[in-house]
């Protein structure tokens, strides 16, 4: 069921949004609806699969483990061969 929504938006933003909608062949309502849908879905709790729950915490890292250094080392090894 669609419901009408009134928004107050800066005129230049509306003009750019209308231009974008026309260029992409979509309506402004569709773009805004998709944006709001994605925004609210991404904030909803994501379910973690039972398999993932089992392995979380299974690997113990050293106390002084530096993730940034490990990533840098990995990327150097991968790309500088």
PDB file of N, CA and C in Angstrom:
ATOM      1  N   UNK A   1       0.844  -1.181   0.000  1.00  0.00           N
ATOM      2  CA  UNK A   1       0.000   0.000   0.000  1.00  0.00           C
ATOM      3  C   UNK A   1       0.886   1.240   0.000  1.00  0.00           C
ATOM      4  N   UNK A   2       0.701   2.101  -0.929  1.00  0.00           N
ATOM      5  CA  UNK A   2       1.465   3.337  -1.010  1.00  0.00           C
ATOM      6  C   UNK A   2       0.768   4.438  -0.241  1.00  0.00           C
ATOM      7  N   UNK A   3       1.568   5.271   0.410  1.00  0.00           N
ATOM      8  CA  UNK A   3       1.067   6.399   1.170  1.00  0.00           C
ATOM      9  C   UNK A   3       1.825   7.640   0.736  1.00  0.00           C
ATOM     10  N   UNK A   4       1.143   8.756   0.671  1.00  0.00           N
ATOM     11  CA  UNK A   4       1.778  10.005   0.271  1.00  0.00           C
ATOM     12  C   UNK A   4       2.620  10.540   1.423  1.00  0.00           C
ATOM     13  N   UNK A   5       3.805  11.076   1.078  1.00  0.00           N
ATOM     14  CA  UNK A   5       4.722  11.632   2.067  1.00  0.00           C
ATOM     15  C   UNK A   5       5.168  13.000   1.574  1.00  0.00           C
ATOM     16  N   UNK A   6       5.083  14.004   2.437  1.00  0.00           N
ATOM     17  CA  UNK A   6       5.520  15.346   2.083  1.00  0.00           C
ATOM     18  C   UNK A   6       6.829  15.634   2.800  1.00  0.00           C
ATOM     19  N   UNK A   7       7.835  16.063   2.029  1.00  0.00           N
ATOM     20  CA  UNK A   7       9.152  16.361   2.589  1.00  0.00           C
ATOM     21  C   UNK A   7       9.546  17.786   2.251  1.00  0.00           C
ATOM     22  N   UNK A   8      10.358  18.382   3.106  1.00  0.00           N
ATOM     23  CA  UNK A   8      10.939  19.685   2.808  1.00  0.00           C
ATOM     24  C   UNK A   8      12.419  19.460   2.539  1.00  0.00           C
ATOM     25  N   UNK A   9      12.806  19.700   1.288  1.00  0.00           N
ATOM     26  CA  UNK A   9      14.178  19.450   0.853  1.00  0.00           C
ATOM     27  C   UNK A   9      14.655  20.674   0.082  1.00  0.00           C
ATOM     28  N   UNK A  10      15.927  20.995   0.222  1.00  0.00           N
ATOM     29  CA  UNK A  10      16.520  22.120  -0.489  1.00  0.00           C
ATOM     30  C   UNK A  10      16.239  22.004  -1.990  1.00  0.00           C
ATOM     31  N   UNK A  11      15.906  23.120  -2.599  1.00  0.00           N
ATOM     32  CA  UNK A  11      15.512  23.133  -4.008  1.00  0.00           C
ATOM     33  C   UNK A  11      16.595  22.554  -4.919  1.00  0.00           C
ATOM     34  N   UNK A  12      17.849  22.887  -4.662  1.00  0.00           N
ATOM     35  CA  UNK A  12      18.929  22.390  -5.527  1.00  0.00           C
ATOM     36  C   UNK A  12      19.077  20.877  -5.405  1.00  0.00           C
ATOM     37  N   UNK A  13      18.819  20.348  -4.228  1.00  0.00           N
ATOM     38  CA  UNK A  13      18.888  18.895  -4.030  1.00  0.00           C
ATOM     39  C   UNK A  13      17.780  18.218  -4.827  1.00  0.00           C
ATOM     40  N   UNK A  14      16.599  18.799  -4.780  1.00  0.00           N
ATOM     41  CA  UNK A  14      15.467  18.238  -5.527  1.00  0.00           C
ATOM     42  C   UNK A  14      15.756  18.252  -7.028  1.00  0.00           C
ATOM     43  N   UNK A  15      16.304  19.353  -7.513  1.00  0.00           N
ATOM     44  CA  UNK A  15      16.614  19.449  -8.943  1.00  0.00           C
ATOM     45  C   UNK A  15      17.631  18.393  -9.359  1.00  0.00           C
ATOM     46  N   UNK A  16      18.686  18.221  -8.555  1.00  0.00           N
ATOM     47  CA  UNK A  16      19.693  17.204  -8.873  1.00  0.00           C
ATOM     48  C   UNK A  16      19.095  15.807  -8.796  1.00  0.00           C
ATOM     49  N   UNK A  17      18.239  15.592  -7.813  1.00  0.00           N
ATOM     50  CA  UNK A  17      17.615  14.276  -7.650  1.00  0.00           C
ATOM     51  C   UNK A  17      16.693  13.960  -8.827  1.00  0.00           C
ATOM     52  N   UNK A  18      15.939  14.936  -9.276  1.00  0.00           N
ATOM     53  CA  UNK A  18      15.058  14.729 -10.432  1.00  0.00           C
ATOM     54  C   UNK A  18      15.876  14.427 -11.685  1.00  0.00           C
ATOM     55  N   UNK A  19      16.981  15.131 -11.855  1.00  0.00           N
ATOM     56  CA  UNK A  19      17.852  14.889 -13.003  1.00  0.00           C
ATOM     57  C   UNK A  19      18.412  13.472 -12.942  1.00  0.00           C
ATOM     58  N   UNK A  20      18.859  13.073 -11.761  1.00  0.00           N
ATOM     59  CA  UNK A  20      19.392  11.721 -11.581  1.00  0.00           C
ATOM     60  C   UNK A  20      18.318  10.678 -11.883  1.00  0.00           C
ATOM     61  N   UNK A  21      17.108  10.906 -11.390  1.00  0.00           N
ATOM     62  CA  UNK A  21      16.003   9.971 -11.625  1.00  0.00           C
ATOM     63  C   UNK A  21      15.727   9.834 -13.123  1.00  0.00           C
ATOM     64  N   UNK A  22      15.711  10.955 -13.823  1.00  0.00           N
ATOM     65  CA  UNK A  22      15.453  10.918 -15.268  1.00  0.00           C
ATOM     66  C   UNK A  22      16.571  10.177 -16.001  1.00  0.00           C
ATOM     67  N   UNK A  23      17.822  10.421 -15.587  1.00  0.00           N
ATOM     68  CA  UNK A  23      18.964   9.763 -16.237  1.00  0.00           C
ATOM     69  C   UNK A  23      18.963   8.253 -16.025  1.00  0.00           C
ATOM     70  N   UNK A  24      18.449   7.827 -14.890  1.00  0.00           N
ATOM     71  CA  UNK A  24      18.450   6.396 -14.576  1.00  0.00           C
ATOM     72  C   UNK A  24      17.138   5.714 -14.927  1.00  0.00           C
ATOM     73  N   UNK A  25      16.171   6.494 -15.421  1.00  0.00           N
ATOM     74  CA  UNK A  25      14.898   5.918 -15.834  1.00  0.00           C
ATOM     75  C   UNK A  25      14.033   5.442 -14.677  1.00  0.00           C
ATOM     76  N   UNK A  26      14.201   6.079 -13.541  1.00  0.00           N
ATOM     77  CA  UNK A  26      13.393   5.717 -12.374  1.00  0.00           C
ATOM     78  C   UNK A  26      12.675   6.950 -11.855  1.00  0.00           C
ATOM     79  N   UNK A  27      11.661   6.731 -11.049  1.00  0.00           N
ATOM     80  CA  UNK A  27      10.968   7.865 -10.451  1.00  0.00           C
ATOM     81  C   UNK A  27      11.682   8.267  -9.167  1.00  0.00           C
ATOM     82  N   UNK A  28      11.505   9.516  -8.797  1.00  0.00           N
ATOM     83  CA  UNK A  28      12.098  10.001  -7.555  1.00  0.00           C
ATOM     84  C   UNK A  28      11.516   9.245  -6.361  1.00  0.00           C
ATOM     85  N   UNK A  29      10.243   8.934  -6.426  1.00  0.00           N
ATOM     86  CA  UNK A  29       9.606   8.156  -5.355  1.00  0.00           C
ATOM     87  C   UNK A  29      10.262   6.789  -5.209  1.00  0.00           C
ATOM     88  N   UNK A  30      10.553   6.148  -6.335  1.00  0.00           N
ATOM     89  CA  UNK A  30      11.189   4.828  -6.300  1.00  0.00           C
ATOM     90  C   UNK A  30      12.581   4.911  -5.675  1.00  0.00           C
ATOM     91  N   UNK A  31      13.334   5.930  -6.058  1.00  0.00           N
ATOM     92  CA  UNK A  31      14.686   6.087  -5.521  1.00  0.00           C
ATOM     93  C   UNK A  31      14.648   6.308  -4.014  1.00  0.00           C
ATOM     94  N   UNK A  32      13.764   7.180  -3.568  1.00  0.00           N
ATOM     95  CA  UNK A  32      13.666   7.467  -2.134  1.00  0.00           C
ATOM     96  C   UNK A  32      13.165   6.248  -1.372  1.00  0.00           C
ATOM     97  N   UNK A  33      12.189   5.549  -1.929  1.00  0.00           N
ATOM     98  CA  UNK A  33      11.686   4.344  -1.272  1.00  0.00           C
ATOM     99  C   UNK A  33      12.788   3.295  -1.135  1.00  0.00           C
ATOM    100  N   UNK A  34      13.560   3.083  -2.202  1.00  0.00           N
ATOM    101  CA  UNK A  34      14.662   2.118  -2.138  1.00  0.00           C
ATOM    102  C   UNK A  34      15.703   2.537  -1.110  1.00  0.00           C
ATOM    103  N   UNK A  35      16.019   3.829  -1.073  1.00  0.00           N
ATOM    104  CA  UNK A  35      16.997   4.325  -0.108  1.00  0.00           C
ATOM    105  C   UNK A  35      16.517   4.078   1.323  1.00  0.00           C
ATOM    106  N   UNK A  36      15.284   4.444   1.607  1.00  0.00           N
ATOM    107  CA  UNK A  36      14.754   4.260   2.961  1.00  0.00           C
ATOM    108  C   UNK A  36      14.663   2.782   3.324  1.00  0.00           C
ATOM    109  N   UNK A  37      14.307   1.958   2.360  1.00  0.00           N
ATOM    110  CA  UNK A  37      14.237   0.522   2.594  1.00  0.00           C
ATOM    111  C   UNK A  37      15.617  -0.034   2.935  1.00  0.00           C
ATOM    112  N   UNK A  38      16.637   0.331   2.142  1.00  0.00           N
ATOM    113  CA  UNK A  38      18.001  -0.130   2.407  1.00  0.00           C
ATOM    114  C   UNK A  38      18.520   0.388   3.738  1.00  0.00           C
ATOM    115  N   UNK A  39      18.213   1.620   4.047  1.00  0.00           N
ATOM    116  CA  UNK A  39      18.660   2.226   5.296  1.00  0.00           C
ATOM    117  C   UNK A  39      18.092   1.497   6.502  1.00  0.00           C
ATOM    118  N   UNK A  40      16.814   1.198   6.460  1.00  0.00           N
ATOM    119  CA  UNK A  40      16.188   0.553   7.613  1.00  0.00           C
ATOM    120  C   UNK A  40      16.515  -0.927   7.695  1.00  0.00           C
ATOM    121  N   UNK A  41      16.728  -1.585   6.560  1.00  0.00           N
ATOM    122  CA  UNK A  41      17.100  -3.003   6.586  1.00  0.00           C
ATOM    123  C   UNK A  41      18.513  -3.199   7.099  1.00  0.00           C
ATOM    124  N   UNK A  42      19.428  -2.292   6.730  1.00  0.00           N
ATOM    125  CA  UNK A  42      20.819  -2.458   7.146  1.00  0.00           C
ATOM    126  C   UNK A  42      20.977  -2.249   8.640  1.00  0.00           C
ATOM    127  N   UNK A  43      20.071  -1.508   9.252  1.00  0.00           N
ATOM    128  CA  UNK A  43      20.150  -1.293  10.692  1.00  0.00           C
ATOM    129  C   UNK A  43      19.454  -2.393  11.485  1.00  0.00           C
ATOM    130  N   UNK A  44      18.686  -3.219  10.810  1.00  0.00           N
ATOM    131  CA  UNK A  44      18.019  -4.328  11.497  1.00  0.00           C
ATOM    132  C   UNK A  44      19.072  -5.354  11.898  1.00  0.00           C
ATOM    133  N   UNK A  45      18.806  -6.071  12.968  1.00  0.00           N
ATOM    134  CA  UNK A  45      19.756  -7.091  13.411  1.00  0.00           C
ATOM    135  C   UNK A  45      19.905  -8.156  12.343  1.00  0.00           C
ATOM    136  N   UNK A  46      21.153  -8.474  12.063  1.00  0.00           N
ATOM    137  CA  UNK A  46      21.419  -9.525  11.099  1.00  0.00           C
ATOM    138  C   UNK A  46      21.543 -10.838  11.855  1.00  0.00           C
ATOM    139  N   UNK A  47      20.905 -11.857  11.329  1.00  0.00           N
ATOM    140  CA  UNK A  47      20.971 -13.164  11.966  1.00  0.00           C
ATOM    141  C   UNK A  47      22.295 -13.826  11.631  1.00  0.00           C
ATOM    142  N   UNK A  48      22.901 -14.425  12.638  1.00  0.00           N
ATOM    143  CA  UNK A  48      24.159 -15.136  12.453  1.00  0.00           C
ATOM    144  C   UNK A  48      23.839 -16.620  12.379  1.00  0.00           C
ATOM    145  N   UNK A  49      24.388 -17.261  11.368  1.00  0.00           N
ATOM    146  CA  UNK A  49      24.105 -18.682  11.185  1.00  0.00           C
ATOM    147  C   UNK A  49      24.705 -19.487  12.334  1.00  0.00           C
ATOM    148  N   UNK A  50      24.113 -20.625  12.675  1.00  0.00           N
ATOM    149  CA  UNK A  50      24.640 -21.476  13.742  1.00  0.00           C
ATOM    150  C   UNK A  50      26.085 -21.907  13.489  1.00  0.00           C
ATOM    151  N   UNK A  51      26.438 -22.145  12.220  1.00  0.00           N
ATOM    152  CA  UNK A  51      27.813 -22.542  11.894  1.00  0.00           C
ATOM    153  C   UNK A  51      28.798 -21.433  12.249  1.00  0.00           C
ATOM    154  N   UNK A  52      28.429 -20.200  11.941  1.00  0.00           N
ATOM    155  CA  UNK A  52      29.307 -19.080  12.248  1.00  0.00           C
ATOM    156  C   UNK A  52      29.419 -18.883  13.755  1.00  0.00           C
ATOM    157  N   UNK A  53      28.318 -19.044  14.471  1.00  0.00           N
ATOM    158  CA  UNK A  53      28.350 -18.916  15.927  1.00  0.00           C
ATOM    159  C   UNK A  53      29.335 -19.899  16.548  1.00  0.00           C
ATOM    160  N   UNK A  54      29.419 -21.103  15.971  1.00  0.00           N
ATOM    161  CA  UNK A  54      30.321 -22.127  16.504  1.00  0.00           C
ATOM    162  C   UNK A  54      31.782 -21.729  16.362  1.00  0.00           C
ATOM    163  N   UNK A  55      32.130 -21.094  15.246  1.00  0.00           N
ATOM    164  CA  UNK A  55      33.549 -20.803  15.021  1.00  0.00           C
ATOM    165  C   UNK A  55      34.002 -19.463  15.598  1.00  0.00           C
ATOM    166  N   UNK A  56      33.062 -18.596  15.954  1.00  0.00           N
ATOM    167  CA  UNK A  56      33.443 -17.316  16.540  1.00  0.00           C
ATOM    168  C   UNK A  56      34.175 -17.576  17.851  1.00  0.00           C
ATOM    169  N   UNK A  57      35.365 -17.046  17.956  1.00  0.00           N
ATOM    170  CA  UNK A  57      36.161 -17.222  19.164  1.00  0.00           C
ATOM    171  C   UNK A  57      36.947 -18.516  19.200  1.00  0.00           C
ATOM    172  N   UNK A  58      36.855 -19.340  18.165  1.00  0.00           N
ATOM    173  CA  UNK A  58      37.560 -20.621  18.147  1.00  0.00           C
ATOM    174  C   UNK A  58      39.063 -20.427  17.984  1.00  0.00           C
ATOM    175  N   UNK A  59      39.454 -19.367  17.291  1.00  0.00           N
ATOM    176  CA  UNK A  59      40.877 -19.095  17.078  1.00  0.00           C
ATOM    177  C   UNK A  59      41.324 -18.045  18.085  1.00  0.00           C
ATOM    178  N   UNK A  60      42.341 -18.385  18.860  1.00  0.00           N
ATOM    179  CA  UNK A  60      42.878 -17.447  19.845  1.00  0.00           C
ATOM    180  C   UNK A  60      44.116 -16.783  19.264  1.00  0.00           C
ATOM    181  N   UNK A  61      44.139 -15.468  19.279  1.00  0.00           N
ATOM    182  CA  UNK A  61      45.269 -14.714  18.763  1.00  0.00           C
ATOM    183  C   UNK A  61      46.171 -14.298  19.917  1.00  0.00           C
ATOM    184  N   UNK A  62      47.459 -14.110  19.637  1.00  0.00           N
ATOM    185  CA  UNK A  62      48.366 -13.644  20.688  1.00  0.00           C
ATOM    186  C   UNK A  62      47.906 -12.294  21.247  1.00  0.00           C
ATOM    187  N   UNK A  63      48.248 -12.021  22.495  1.00  0.00           N
ATOM    188  CA  UNK A  63      47.826 -10.771  23.135  1.00  0.00           C
ATOM    189  C   UNK A  63      48.307  -9.537  22.379  1.00  0.00           C
ATOM    190  N   UNK A  64      49.508  -9.608  21.814  1.00  0.00           N
ATOM    191  CA  UNK A  64      50.075  -8.448  21.133  1.00  0.00           C
ATOM    192  C   UNK A  64      49.871  -8.510  19.618  1.00  0.00           C
ATOM    193  N   UNK A  65      48.887  -9.238  19.174  1.00  0.00           N
ATOM    194  CA  UNK A  65      48.620  -9.382  17.738  1.00  0.00           C
ATOM    195  C   UNK A  65      48.186  -8.040  17.167  1.00  0.00           C
ATOM    196  N   UNK A  66      48.838  -7.600  16.114  1.00  0.00           N
ATOM    197  CA  UNK A  66      48.535  -6.326  15.463  1.00  0.00           C
ATOM    198  C   UNK A  66      47.874  -6.612  14.112  1.00  0.00           C
ATOM    199  N   UNK A  67      46.576  -6.386  14.046  1.00  0.00           N
ATOM    200  CA  UNK A  67      45.821  -6.695  12.829  1.00  0.00           C
ATOM    201  C   UNK A  67      46.307  -5.883  11.627  1.00  0.00           C
ATOM    202  N   UNK A  68      46.629  -4.621  11.853  1.00  0.00           N
ATOM    203  CA  UNK A  68      47.074  -3.777  10.744  1.00  0.00           C
ATOM    204  C   UNK A  68      48.386  -4.288  10.158  1.00  0.00           C
ATOM    205  N   UNK A  69      49.323  -4.652  11.029  1.00  0.00           N
ATOM    206  CA  UNK A  69      50.605  -5.172  10.549  1.00  0.00           C
ATOM    207  C   UNK A  69      50.415  -6.500   9.829  1.00  0.00           C
ATOM    208  N   UNK A  70      49.558  -7.339  10.356  1.00  0.00           N
ATOM    209  CA  UNK A  70      49.298  -8.635   9.728  1.00  0.00           C
ATOM    210  C   UNK A  70      48.687  -8.444   8.343  1.00  0.00           C
ATOM    211  N   UNK A  71      47.770  -7.503   8.229  1.00  0.00           N
ATOM    212  CA  UNK A  71      47.146  -7.225   6.938  1.00  0.00           C
ATOM    213  C   UNK A  71      48.169  -6.660   5.954  1.00  0.00           C
ATOM    214  N   UNK A  72      49.001  -5.731   6.422  1.00  0.00           N
ATOM    215  CA  UNK A  72      50.040  -5.168   5.552  1.00  0.00           C
ATOM    216  C   UNK A  72      50.970  -6.264   5.055  1.00  0.00           C
ATOM    217  N   UNK A  73      51.390  -7.134   5.944  1.00  0.00           N
ATOM    218  CA  UNK A  73      52.285  -8.229   5.578  1.00  0.00           C
ATOM    219  C   UNK A  73      51.618  -9.129   4.536  1.00  0.00           C
ATOM    220  N   UNK A  74      50.374  -9.483   4.785  1.00  0.00           N
ATOM    221  CA  UNK A  74      49.631 -10.340   3.858  1.00  0.00           C
ATOM    222  C   UNK A  74      49.539  -9.700   2.476  1.00  0.00           C
ATOM    223  N   UNK A  75      49.178  -8.414   2.445  1.00  0.00           N
ATOM    224  CA  UNK A  75      49.013  -7.736   1.162  1.00  0.00           C
ATOM    225  C   UNK A  75      50.340  -7.603   0.418  1.00  0.00           C
ATOM    226  N   UNK A  76      51.423  -7.357   1.139  1.00  0.00           N
ATOM    227  CA  UNK A  76      52.744  -7.289   0.506  1.00  0.00           C
ATOM    228  C   UNK A  76      53.105  -8.637  -0.104  1.00  0.00           C
ATOM    229  N   UNK A  77      52.872  -9.701   0.646  1.00  0.00           N
ATOM    230  CA  UNK A  77      53.180 -11.040   0.145  1.00  0.00           C
ATOM    231  C   UNK A  77      52.338 -11.372  -1.086  1.00  0.00           C
ATOM    232  N   UNK A  78      51.106 -10.956  -1.057  1.00  0.00           N
ATOM    233  CA  UNK A  78      50.189 -11.276  -2.150  1.00  0.00           C
ATOM    234  C   UNK A  78      50.516 -10.498  -3.424  1.00  0.00           C
ATOM    235  N   UNK A  79      50.814  -9.212  -3.273  1.00  0.00           N
ATOM    236  CA  UNK A  79      50.927  -8.350  -4.450  1.00  0.00           C
ATOM    237  C   UNK A  79      52.353  -8.067  -4.910  1.00  0.00           C
ATOM    238  N   UNK A  80      53.337  -8.373  -4.111  1.00  0.00           N
ATOM    239  CA  UNK A  80      54.710  -8.052  -4.497  1.00  0.00           C
ATOM    240  C   UNK A  80      55.501  -9.266  -4.949  1.00  0.00           C
ATOM    241  N   UNK A  81      54.817 -10.336  -5.280  1.00  0.00           N
ATOM    242  CA  UNK A  81      55.512 -11.549  -5.748  1.00  0.00           C
ATOM    243  C   UNK A  81      55.928 -11.402  -7.176  1.00  0.00           C
TER     244      UNK A  81
END
